[in-house]
Structure formats: C-alpha cells, structure tokens
Amino acid sequence: MLVALIGGTGSFGKGLAVRLTEKNDVLIGSRDHERARAKASEFSALTGRTLAGNTNLAVAQQCDTAILTIPEALDSGFLEDLRGPLSGKLVISPIVPLYVKEGKFKHAFASGSAAEKVASALPASRIAAAFHTLPAATLAESGRVIDFDVPVCSNSKEVFDECAAVVSSIPGLRPLYAGTLSGARDVETLTPLLLNVAKLNHMKRLSIKLIG
C-alpha cells in the first residue's frame, strides 16, 4: 500500500513512518518539498528502507491512503486544497485539537471532533479516525516492541476494514471499532487524558491496551 503522511515531517510523522515502512511504501508530505525530501532521506536512513518526500499536494495525488499528521489547529483552506487529490481515497485523522487550562490538557473544540471537521472538508473521501493514543517517541524507536490498541471510528464497516488493515500493518497494533465518526470526540479526548495522567504521575509515553 502507498501511504502518504500529510504534514509528515514532525515527530508523529517520523514515528508512523518508521513503523509503516515495514509493510508499506511511505510518502512524506510537507508544504515545502525540500523539507519533505530531507525528512524522507532522514527517515530512510533510520529504517533502511527508501521513503520519498514531496509537497502535500503531490503525495496526496500519488497515494492510496493518506494520514493527516498535521498540527492540531485545522486549516480548512489547507484541507480544501487536498479535496480533489484525496477524492475517493481513505483518509485517516489522528488529529487531536488541544489547549492547556490551569495546567491540564483539554480538547480544544466546544463540541464535535477533528475527524468530523475533516469529513466535512473532504466529502468525497472515506474518513476514519485512528492513531490518537500512540506516543510518537515510542513509535520512532524502531527496535522497540509495542503492544497497543487503536480505537477506530468510521461511518461504515468497509471504511473500518480499510483503516484496520493500515493499523494492522504495524506489528503490535490492534485496531478496535469504536463507532461512527459522531463518536470520534470520545476517542480524541483519550489523548488529553493520557497526557494529564502522565503529567500528574510523572510518567511518559502512555498508550492504551484494553483487556477483557
């Protein structure tokens, strides 16, 4: 599968790139094509596999699936520019809009979710919400064994299955259906919860594993 990491030059893009390249071809996107190529070269050296880098628009046109590893603050104009290239494709949103109040992390939206905003901006794409609870630094340690669960929200079983295949292509991740996009906020709020628990208990790199 050809997976594009839109805005993939940051720490989370790096972590996903390191893990995804084991079973996928990965494209690194950026607003600046030179930065994308430099980061692709850096990640290639880390993984021993060849990654390519280009502008967000270019990698959106090339890919089969896109993951939006972009900053928390969604730019609707940015997404609208990608509407055509991402039409008919699976787009995965791990975006969590955050702010800090009285020393605690909180979801930045008064209502709704980032995933629903993505779906509204990209109506012709197949949208799933996933990867919110994965610590970037842990993913970037290629030799470290992971065993995490990944809640996935989507509006159909078919889109869930597509997203689950991407999640499962990373050894140690188990995709779990968490309902439709209308419930994506519940999944997104797991991130500030983990950050707050980590801060209050002097812990790092928390994720989740559900045991039944």
C-alpha atoms as a PDB file:
ATOM      1  CA  MET A   1       0.000   0.000   0.000  1.00  0.00           C
ATOM      2  CA  LEU A   2       1.219   3.507  -0.797  1.00  0.00           C
ATOM      3  CA  VAL A   3       0.622   5.648   2.306  1.00  0.00           C
ATOM      4  CA  ALA A   4       1.105   9.412   2.372  1.00  0.00           C
ATOM      5  CA  LEU A   5       1.830  11.172   5.637  1.00  0.00           C
ATOM      6  CA  ILE A   6       0.378  14.621   5.029  1.00  0.00           C
ATOM      7  CA  GLY A   7       2.483  17.056   7.029  1.00  0.00           C
ATOM      8  CA  GLY A   8       4.664  14.082   7.928  1.00  0.00           C
ATOM      9  CA  THR A   9       7.879  15.912   8.818  1.00  0.00           C
ATOM     10  CA  GLY A  10       7.174  16.212  12.560  1.00  0.00           C
ATOM     11  CA  SER A  11       7.703  13.778  15.418  1.00  0.00           C
ATOM     12  CA  PHE A  12       4.454  11.863  14.887  1.00  0.00           C
ATOM     13  CA  GLY A  13       5.098  11.597  11.157  1.00  0.00           C
ATOM     14  CA  LYS A  14       8.533  10.232  11.964  1.00  0.00           C
ATOM     15  CA  GLY A  15       7.117   7.624  14.338  1.00  0.00           C
ATOM     16  CA  LEU A  16       4.484   6.441  11.881  1.00  0.00           C
ATOM     17  CA  ALA A  17       6.979   6.416   9.018  1.00  0.00           C
ATOM     18  CA  VAL A  18       9.371   4.199  10.970  1.00  0.00           C
ATOM     19  CA  ARG A  19       6.628   1.655  11.667  1.00  0.00           C
ATOM     20  CA  LEU A  20       4.657   1.802   8.429  1.00  0.00           C
ATOM     21  CA  THR A  21       7.648   1.251   6.145  1.00  0.00           C
ATOM     22  CA  GLU A  22       7.933  -2.339   7.321  1.00  0.00           C
ATOM     23  CA  LYS A  23       4.926  -3.352   5.187  1.00  0.00           C
ATOM     24  CA  ASN A  24       4.041  -0.259   3.141  1.00  0.00           C
ATOM     25  CA  ASP A  25       5.563   2.265   0.791  1.00  0.00           C
ATOM     26  CA  VAL A  26       5.551   5.644   2.540  1.00  0.00           C
ATOM     27  CA  LEU A  27       5.483   9.180   1.168  1.00  0.00           C
ATOM     28  CA  ILE A  28       6.404  12.152   3.355  1.00  0.00           C
ATOM     29  CA  GLY A  29       4.451  15.337   2.634  1.00  0.00           C
ATOM     30  CA  SER A  30       5.153  18.935   3.591  1.00  0.00           C
ATOM     31  CA  ARG A  31       4.254  22.436   2.437  1.00  0.00           C
ATOM     32  CA  ASP A  32       7.936  22.707   1.463  1.00  0.00           C
ATOM     33  CA  HIS A  33       9.097  19.977  -0.939  1.00  0.00           C
ATOM     34  CA  GLU A  34      12.752  20.386   0.050  1.00  0.00           C
ATOM     35  CA  ARG A  35      11.910  19.820   3.713  1.00  0.00           C
ATOM     36  CA  ALA A  36       9.842  16.777   2.754  1.00  0.00           C
ATOM     37  CA  ARG A  37      12.708  15.297   0.777  1.00  0.00           C
ATOM     38  CA  ALA A  38      15.200  15.986   3.562  1.00  0.00           C
ATOM     39  CA  LYS A  39      12.971  14.282   6.124  1.00  0.00           C
ATOM     40  CA  ALA A  40      12.302  11.354   3.787  1.00  0.00           C
ATOM     41  CA  SER A  41      16.058  10.902   3.473  1.00  0.00           C
ATOM     42  CA  GLU A  42      16.453  11.084   7.255  1.00  0.00           C
ATOM     43  CA  PHE A  43      13.700   8.521   7.848  1.00  0.00           C
ATOM     44  CA  SER A  44      15.144   6.266   5.129  1.00  0.00           C
ATOM     45  CA  ALA A  45      18.453   6.221   6.984  1.00  0.00           C
ATOM     46  CA  LEU A  46      16.652   5.251  10.206  1.00  0.00           C
ATOM     47  CA  THR A  47      14.662   2.404   8.666  1.00  0.00           C
ATOM     48  CA  GLY A  48      16.952   1.108   5.949  1.00  0.00           C
ATOM     49  CA  ARG A  49      14.027   1.449   3.547  1.00  0.00           C
ATOM     50  CA  THR A  50      13.503   4.063   0.875  1.00  0.00           C
ATOM     51  CA  LEU A  51      10.936   6.775   1.571  1.00  0.00           C
ATOM     52  CA  ALA A  52      10.065   9.560  -0.854  1.00  0.00           C
ATOM     53  CA  GLY A  53       9.180  13.150   0.011  1.00  0.00           C
ATOM     54  CA  ASN A  54       7.309  15.882  -1.842  1.00  0.00           C
ATOM     55  CA  THR A  55       4.683  18.552  -1.323  1.00  0.00           C
ATOM     56  CA  ASN A  56       1.465  17.624   0.453  1.00  0.00           C
ATOM     57  CA  LEU A  57      -0.418  18.114  -2.804  1.00  0.00           C
ATOM     58  CA  ALA A  58       1.934  15.833  -4.741  1.00  0.00           C
ATOM     59  CA  VAL A  59       1.868  12.977  -2.223  1.00  0.00           C
ATOM     60  CA  ALA A  60      -1.923  13.287  -1.905  1.00  0.00           C
ATOM     61  CA  GLN A  61      -2.166  12.767  -5.658  1.00  0.00           C
ATOM     62  CA  GLN A  62       0.120   9.728  -5.600  1.00  0.00           C
ATOM     63  CA  CYS A  63      -1.084   7.809  -2.552  1.00  0.00           C
ATOM     64  CA  ASP A  64      -3.662   5.101  -1.969  1.00  0.00           C
ATOM     65  CA  THR A  65      -4.220   6.198   1.648  1.00  0.00           C
ATOM     66  CA  ALA A  66      -3.425   9.434   3.462  1.00  0.00           C
ATOM     67  CA  ILE A  67      -2.813  10.007   7.165  1.00  0.00           C
ATOM     68  CA  LEU A  68      -3.185  13.608   8.327  1.00  0.00           C
ATOM     69  CA  THR A  69      -0.165  14.074  10.593  1.00  0.00           C
ATOM     70  CA  ILE A  70      -0.771  17.806  10.590  1.00  0.00           C
ATOM     71  CA  PRO A  71      -0.816  20.252  13.539  1.00  0.00           C
ATOM     72  CA  GLU A  72      -3.718  20.330  15.933  1.00  0.00           C
ATOM     73  CA  ALA A  73      -5.188  23.544  14.537  1.00  0.00           C
ATOM     74  CA  LEU A  74      -7.052  22.505  11.403  1.00  0.00           C
ATOM     75  CA  ASP A  75      -6.812  24.883   8.465  1.00  0.00           C
ATOM     76  CA  SER A  76      -9.958  24.395   6.388  1.00  0.00           C
ATOM     77  CA  GLY A  77      -8.307  26.016   3.378  1.00  0.00           C
ATOM     78  CA  PHE A  78      -5.453  23.520   3.611  1.00  0.00           C
ATOM     79  CA  LEU A  79      -7.866  20.598   3.525  1.00  0.00           C
ATOM     80  CA  GLU A  80      -9.890  22.115   0.709  1.00  0.00           C
ATOM     81  CA  ASP A  81      -6.730  22.273  -1.412  1.00  0.00           C
ATOM     82  CA  LEU A  82      -6.404  18.497  -0.960  1.00  0.00           C
ATOM     83  CA  ARG A  83     -10.065  17.733  -1.671  1.00  0.00           C
ATOM     84  CA  GLY A  84      -9.529  16.783  -5.310  1.00  0.00           C
ATOM     85  CA  PRO A  85      -6.362  14.678  -4.890  1.00  0.00           C
ATOM     86  CA  LEU A  86      -7.860  12.787  -1.940  1.00  0.00           C
ATOM     87  CA  SER A  87     -11.250  12.190  -3.552  1.00  0.00           C
ATOM     88  CA  GLY A  88     -12.249   8.525  -3.338  1.00  0.00           C
ATOM     89  CA  LYS A  89      -9.337   7.668  -1.038  1.00  0.00           C
ATOM     90  CA  LEU A  90      -9.091   6.557   2.568  1.00  0.00           C
ATOM     91  CA  VAL A  91      -8.069   9.481   4.789  1.00  0.00           C
ATOM     92  CA  ILE A  92      -7.162   8.757   8.410  1.00  0.00           C
ATOM     93  CA  SER A  93      -7.341  11.527  11.011  1.00  0.00           C
ATOM     94  CA  PRO A  94      -5.240  11.150  14.175  1.00  0.00           C
ATOM     95  CA  ILE A  95      -5.707  14.875  14.872  1.00  0.00           C
ATOM     96  CA  VAL A  96      -6.420  15.985  18.438  1.00  0.00           C
ATOM     97  CA  PRO A  97      -7.007  19.734  18.932  1.00  0.00           C
ATOM     98  CA  LEU A  98      -5.585  20.603  22.357  1.00  0.00           C
ATOM     99  CA  TYR A  99      -5.192  23.539  24.684  1.00  0.00           C
ATOM    100  CA  VAL A 100      -3.919  23.876  28.245  1.00  0.00           C
ATOM    101  CA  LYS A 101      -6.055  25.360  31.010  1.00  0.00           C
ATOM    102  CA  GLU A 102      -4.931  25.531  34.640  1.00  0.00           C
ATOM    103  CA  GLY A 103      -2.097  23.165  33.842  1.00  0.00           C
ATOM    104  CA  LYS A 104      -4.285  20.481  32.277  1.00  0.00           C
ATOM    105  CA  PHE A 105      -4.680  19.432  28.661  1.00  0.00           C
ATOM    106  CA  LYS A 106      -8.176  19.719  27.225  1.00  0.00           C
ATOM    107  CA  HIS A 107      -9.892  19.079  23.899  1.00  0.00           C
ATOM    108  CA  ALA A 108      -9.988  22.428  22.117  1.00  0.00           C
ATOM    109  CA  PHE A 109     -13.418  22.083  20.493  1.00  0.00           C
ATOM    110  CA  ALA A 110     -16.513  23.049  22.466  1.00  0.00           C
ATOM    111  CA  SER A 111     -18.363  20.300  20.594  1.00  0.00           C
ATOM    112  CA  GLY A 112     -17.719  17.871  17.774  1.00  0.00           C
ATOM    113  CA  SER A 113     -14.416  16.394  16.705  1.00  0.00           C
ATOM    114  CA  ALA A 114     -11.492  16.980  14.407  1.00  0.00           C
ATOM    115  CA  ALA A 115     -12.466  13.861  12.452  1.00  0.00           C
ATOM    116  CA  GLU A 116     -15.920  15.277  11.716  1.00  0.00           C
ATOM    117  CA  LYS A 117     -14.335  18.520  10.563  1.00  0.00           C
ATOM    118  CA  VAL A 118     -12.075  16.544   8.229  1.00  0.00           C
ATOM    119  CA  ALA A 119     -15.083  14.650   6.868  1.00  0.00           C
ATOM    120  CA  SER A 120     -16.893  17.919   6.221  1.00  0.00           C
ATOM    121  CA  ALA A 121     -13.892  19.365   4.360  1.00  0.00           C
ATOM    122  CA  LEU A 122     -13.279  16.162   2.358  1.00  0.00           C
ATOM    123  CA  PRO A 123     -16.793  14.919   1.471  1.00  0.00           C
ATOM    124  CA  ALA A 124     -15.633  12.670  -1.375  1.00  0.00           C
ATOM    125  CA  SER A 125     -13.033  10.850   0.753  1.00  0.00           C
ATOM    126  CA  ARG A 126     -13.524   7.851   3.032  1.00  0.00           C
ATOM    127  CA  ILE A 127     -12.737   9.144   6.523  1.00  0.00           C
ATOM    128  CA  ALA A 128     -11.603   7.202   9.563  1.00  0.00           C
ATOM    129  CA  ALA A 129     -10.302   8.407  12.914  1.00  0.00           C
ATOM    130  CA  ALA A 130      -7.385   6.449  14.391  1.00  0.00           C
ATOM    131  CA  PHE A 131      -3.866   6.543  15.897  1.00  0.00           C
ATOM    132  CA  HIS A 132      -4.735   9.216  18.515  1.00  0.00           C
ATOM    133  CA  THR A 133      -3.225   7.458  21.525  1.00  0.00           C
ATOM    134  CA  LEU A 134       0.148   6.416  20.139  1.00  0.00           C
ATOM    135  CA  PRO A 135       3.268   8.077  21.608  1.00  0.00           C
ATOM    136  CA  ALA A 136       5.412   9.427  18.778  1.00  0.00           C
ATOM    137  CA  ALA A 137       8.739   8.850  20.512  1.00  0.00           C
ATOM    138  CA  THR A 138       7.949   5.193  21.193  1.00  0.00           C
ATOM    139  CA  LEU A 139       6.946   4.599  17.577  1.00  0.00           C
ATOM    140  CA  ALA A 140      10.204   6.157  16.399  1.00  0.00           C
ATOM    141  CA  GLU A 141      12.246   3.566  18.335  1.00  0.00           C
ATOM    142  CA  SER A 142      12.242   1.006  15.560  1.00  0.00           C
ATOM    143  CA  GLY A 143      13.690  -1.780  17.696  1.00  0.00           C
ATOM    144  CA  ARG A 144      11.151  -1.392  20.481  1.00  0.00           C
ATOM    145  CA  VAL A 145       8.350  -3.964  20.649  1.00  0.00           C
ATOM    146  CA  ILE A 146       4.910  -2.380  21.056  1.00  0.00           C
ATOM    147  CA  ASP A 147       1.557  -3.846  22.104  1.00  0.00           C
ATOM    148  CA  PHE A 148      -1.158  -1.181  21.891  1.00  0.00           C
ATOM    149  CA  ASP A 149      -4.821  -0.999  20.985  1.00  0.00           C
ATOM    150  CA  VAL A 150      -6.008   1.590  18.453  1.00  0.00           C
ATOM    151  CA  PRO A 151      -9.661   2.702  18.624  1.00  0.00           C
ATOM    152  CA  VAL A 152     -11.013   3.414  15.129  1.00  0.00           C
ATOM    153  CA  CYS A 153     -14.114   5.433  14.259  1.00  0.00           C
ATOM    154  CA  SER A 154     -15.749   5.348  10.834  1.00  0.00           C
ATOM    155  CA  ASN A 155     -19.201   5.564   9.343  1.00  0.00           C
ATOM    156  CA  SER A 156     -19.145   2.142   7.682  1.00  0.00           C
ATOM    157  CA  LYS A 157     -17.761  -1.348   8.188  1.00  0.00           C
ATOM    158  CA  GLU A 158     -15.990  -1.098   4.832  1.00  0.00           C
ATOM    159  CA  VAL A 159     -14.055   2.024   5.856  1.00  0.00           C
ATOM    160  CA  PHE A 160     -13.245   0.468   9.228  1.00  0.00           C
ATOM    161  CA  ASP A 161     -11.859  -2.606   7.481  1.00  0.00           C
ATOM    162  CA  GLU A 162      -9.686  -0.425   5.241  1.00  0.00           C
ATOM    163  CA  CYS A 163      -8.351   1.557   8.183  1.00  0.00           C
ATOM    164  CA  ALA A 164      -7.876  -1.596  10.255  1.00  0.00           C
ATOM    165  CA  ALA A 165      -5.665  -3.011   7.502  1.00  0.00           C
ATOM    166  CA  VAL A 166      -3.414   0.059   7.748  1.00  0.00           C
ATOM    167  CA  VAL A 167      -3.301  -0.119  11.546  1.00  0.00           C
ATOM    168  CA  SER A 168      -2.604  -3.862  11.486  1.00  0.00           C
ATOM    169  CA  SER A 169       0.264  -3.370   9.047  1.00  0.00           C
ATOM    170  CA  ILE A 170       2.193  -2.042  12.058  1.00  0.00           C
ATOM    171  CA  PRO A 171       3.206  -5.057  14.181  1.00  0.00           C
ATOM    172  CA  GLY A 172       1.931  -4.739  17.734  1.00  0.00           C
ATOM    173  CA  LEU A 173      -1.136  -2.607  16.992  1.00  0.00           C
ATOM    174  CA  ARG A 174      -4.679  -3.970  17.291  1.00  0.00           C
ATOM    175  CA  PRO A 175      -7.483  -1.956  15.647  1.00  0.00           C
ATOM    176  CA  LEU A 176     -10.782  -1.894  17.537  1.00  0.00           C
ATOM    177  CA  TYR A 177     -14.028  -0.464  16.180  1.00  0.00           C
ATOM    178  CA  ALA A 178     -15.127   2.452  18.365  1.00  0.00           C
ATOM    179  CA  GLY A 179     -18.261   3.515  16.495  1.00  0.00           C
ATOM    180  CA  THR A 180     -19.129   6.127  13.920  1.00  0.00           C
ATOM    181  CA  LEU A 181     -17.471   9.499  13.374  1.00  0.00           C
ATOM    182  CA  SER A 182     -20.150  11.084  15.556  1.00  0.00           C
ATOM    183  CA  GLY A 183     -18.333   9.469  18.486  1.00  0.00           C
ATOM    184  CA  ALA A 184     -14.824  10.391  17.374  1.00  0.00           C
ATOM    185  CA  ARG A 185     -14.627  13.090  20.030  1.00  0.00           C
ATOM    186  CA  ASP A 186     -14.652  10.360  22.703  1.00  0.00           C
ATOM    187  CA  VAL A 187     -11.565   8.799  21.126  1.00  0.00           C
ATOM    188  CA  GLU A 188      -9.839  12.139  20.614  1.00  0.00           C
ATOM    189  CA  THR A 189     -10.307  13.009  24.295  1.00  0.00           C
ATOM    190  CA  LEU A 190      -8.263   9.961  25.267  1.00  0.00           C
ATOM    191  CA  THR A 191      -5.169  11.923  24.275  1.00  0.00           C
ATOM    192  CA  PRO A 192      -5.538  14.755  26.815  1.00  0.00           C
ATOM    193  CA  LEU A 193      -6.496  12.118  29.400  1.00  0.00           C
ATOM    194  CA  LEU A 194      -3.244  10.225  28.797  1.00  0.00           C
ATOM    195  CA  LEU A 195      -1.216  13.438  28.812  1.00  0.00           C
ATOM    196  CA  ASN A 196      -2.751  14.539  32.097  1.00  0.00           C
ATOM    197  CA  VAL A 197      -2.279  11.151  33.754  1.00  0.00           C
ATOM    198  CA  ALA A 198       1.337  11.090  32.582  1.00  0.00           C
ATOM    199  CA  LYS A 199       1.984  14.590  33.933  1.00  0.00           C
ATOM    200  CA  LEU A 200       0.295  14.005  37.287  1.00  0.00           C
ATOM    201  CA  ASN A 201       2.071  10.686  37.866  1.00  0.00           C
ATOM    202  CA  HIS A 202       5.483  11.578  36.415  1.00  0.00           C
ATOM    203  CA  MET A 203       5.117   9.043  33.627  1.00  0.00           C
ATOM    204  CA  LYS A 204       5.986   9.172  29.937  1.00  0.00           C
ATOM    205  CA  ARG A 205       4.741   7.796  26.637  1.00  0.00           C
ATOM    206  CA  LEU A 206       1.439   6.355  27.791  1.00  0.00           C
ATOM    207  CA  SER A 207      -0.830   4.484  25.405  1.00  0.00           C
ATOM    208  CA  ILE A 208      -3.720   2.057  25.869  1.00  0.00           C
ATOM    209  CA  LYS A 209      -4.315  -1.701  25.927  1.00  0.00           C
ATOM    210  CA  LEU A 210      -7.850  -2.948  26.571  1.00  0.00           C
ATOM    211  CA  ILE A 211      -8.143  -6.193  28.495  1.00  0.00           C
ATOM    212  CA  GLY A 212     -11.367  -8.156  28.656  1.00  0.00           C
END
